[in-house]
Amino acid sequence: MEADNRQFDGKLFLKDVNRKLNDRLAEIQKDLNQGLKEIENMHEYYWENYTEMDQYGYEDYDNQQAPLTAGKCKQR
């Protein structure tokens, strides 16, 4: 009977909910920052390993060198 007479303290409940929401928002922000860092690393990796490709997927450097090598062979 005494449990039924207790008053529900809405302010404490809202403080607790607010605290939990803020904790969760902090976790989400941390995860987003980690994701952004991963994206930056992917961009950095891509540009460090970037090579020009021709229409067939071969490195353009090789295709530019091939005619020069063929030309030198014909001259010999």
Protein backbone atom coordinates (compact mmCIF):
# COMPACT_ATOMS: atom_id res chain seq x y z
CA MET A 1 0.00 0.00 0.00
CA GLU A 2 2.84 2.29 0.82
CA ALA A 3 4.33 1.78 -2.67
CA ASP A 4 1.06 2.99 -4.21
CA ASN A 5 1.23 6.19 -2.13
CA ARG A 6 4.68 7.18 -3.35
CA GLN A 7 4.69 10.17 -5.63
CA PHE A 8 6.33 9.76 -9.04
CA ASP A 9 9.10 12.36 -9.32
CA GLY A 10 8.91 13.50 -12.93
CA LYS A 11 11.86 15.88 -12.62
CA LEU A 12 14.25 13.12 -11.58
CA PHE A 13 12.94 10.90 -14.36
CA LEU A 14 13.48 13.65 -16.97
CA LYS A 15 16.98 14.36 -15.65
CA ASP A 16 17.81 10.68 -15.98
CA VAL A 17 16.39 10.53 -19.53
CA ASN A 18 18.25 13.71 -20.46
CA ARG A 19 21.53 12.30 -19.09
CA LYS A 20 21.07 9.06 -21.03
CA LEU A 21 20.27 10.96 -24.23
CA ASN A 22 23.36 13.13 -23.82
CA ASP A 23 25.51 10.04 -23.20
CA ARG A 24 24.12 8.41 -26.33
CA LEU A 25 24.66 11.57 -28.39
CA ALA A 26 28.27 11.65 -27.23
CA GLU A 27 28.71 8.02 -28.36
CA ILE A 28 27.15 8.79 -31.74
CA GLN A 29 29.40 11.84 -32.18
CA LYS A 30 32.44 9.73 -31.37
CA ASP A 31 31.37 7.11 -33.95
CA LEU A 32 30.78 9.81 -36.57
CA ASN A 33 34.22 11.29 -35.95
CA GLN A 34 35.80 7.86 -36.34
CA GLY A 35 33.88 7.36 -39.60
CA LEU A 36 35.04 10.72 -40.93
CA LYS A 37 38.64 9.82 -40.08
CA GLU A 38 38.26 6.53 -41.96
CA ILE A 39 36.93 8.40 -45.00
CA GLU A 40 39.87 10.80 -44.86
CA ASN A 41 42.24 7.83 -44.71
CA MET A 42 40.51 6.24 -47.71
CA HIS A 43 40.89 9.46 -49.71
CA GLU A 44 44.53 9.70 -48.71
CA TYR A 45 45.16 6.06 -49.67
CA TYR A 46 43.40 6.54 -53.01
CA TRP A 47 45.44 9.58 -54.01
CA GLU A 48 48.71 8.02 -52.87
CA ASN A 49 48.01 5.00 -55.08
CA TYR A 50 46.29 6.83 -57.93
CA THR A 51 47.45 6.06 -61.45
CA GLU A 52 46.03 7.13 -64.77
CA MET A 53 44.18 4.30 -66.47
CA ASP A 54 43.26 3.91 -70.10
CA GLN A 55 39.92 2.68 -71.40
CA TYR A 56 40.94 -0.95 -70.87
CA GLY A 57 42.07 -0.53 -67.27
CA TYR A 58 45.78 -0.57 -67.94
CA GLU A 59 48.05 2.06 -66.48
CA ASP A 60 48.34 4.92 -68.92
CA TYR A 61 52.09 5.20 -68.31
CA ASP A 62 52.66 1.75 -69.77
CA ASN A 63 50.60 2.56 -72.83
CA GLN A 64 52.49 5.81 -73.39
CA GLN A 65 55.80 3.98 -73.16
CA ALA A 66 54.84 1.17 -75.52
CA PRO A 67 54.91 3.27 -78.74
CA LEU A 68 58.23 4.80 -77.70
CA THR A 69 59.75 1.37 -77.13
CA ALA A 70 58.34 0.05 -80.42
CA GLY A 71 59.74 3.09 -82.24
CA LYS A 72 63.19 2.51 -80.75
CA CYS A 73 63.11 -1.15 -81.75
CA LYS A 74 62.24 -0.29 -85.35
CA GLN A 75 65.12 2.19 -85.54
CA ARG A 76 67.64 -0.49 -84.59
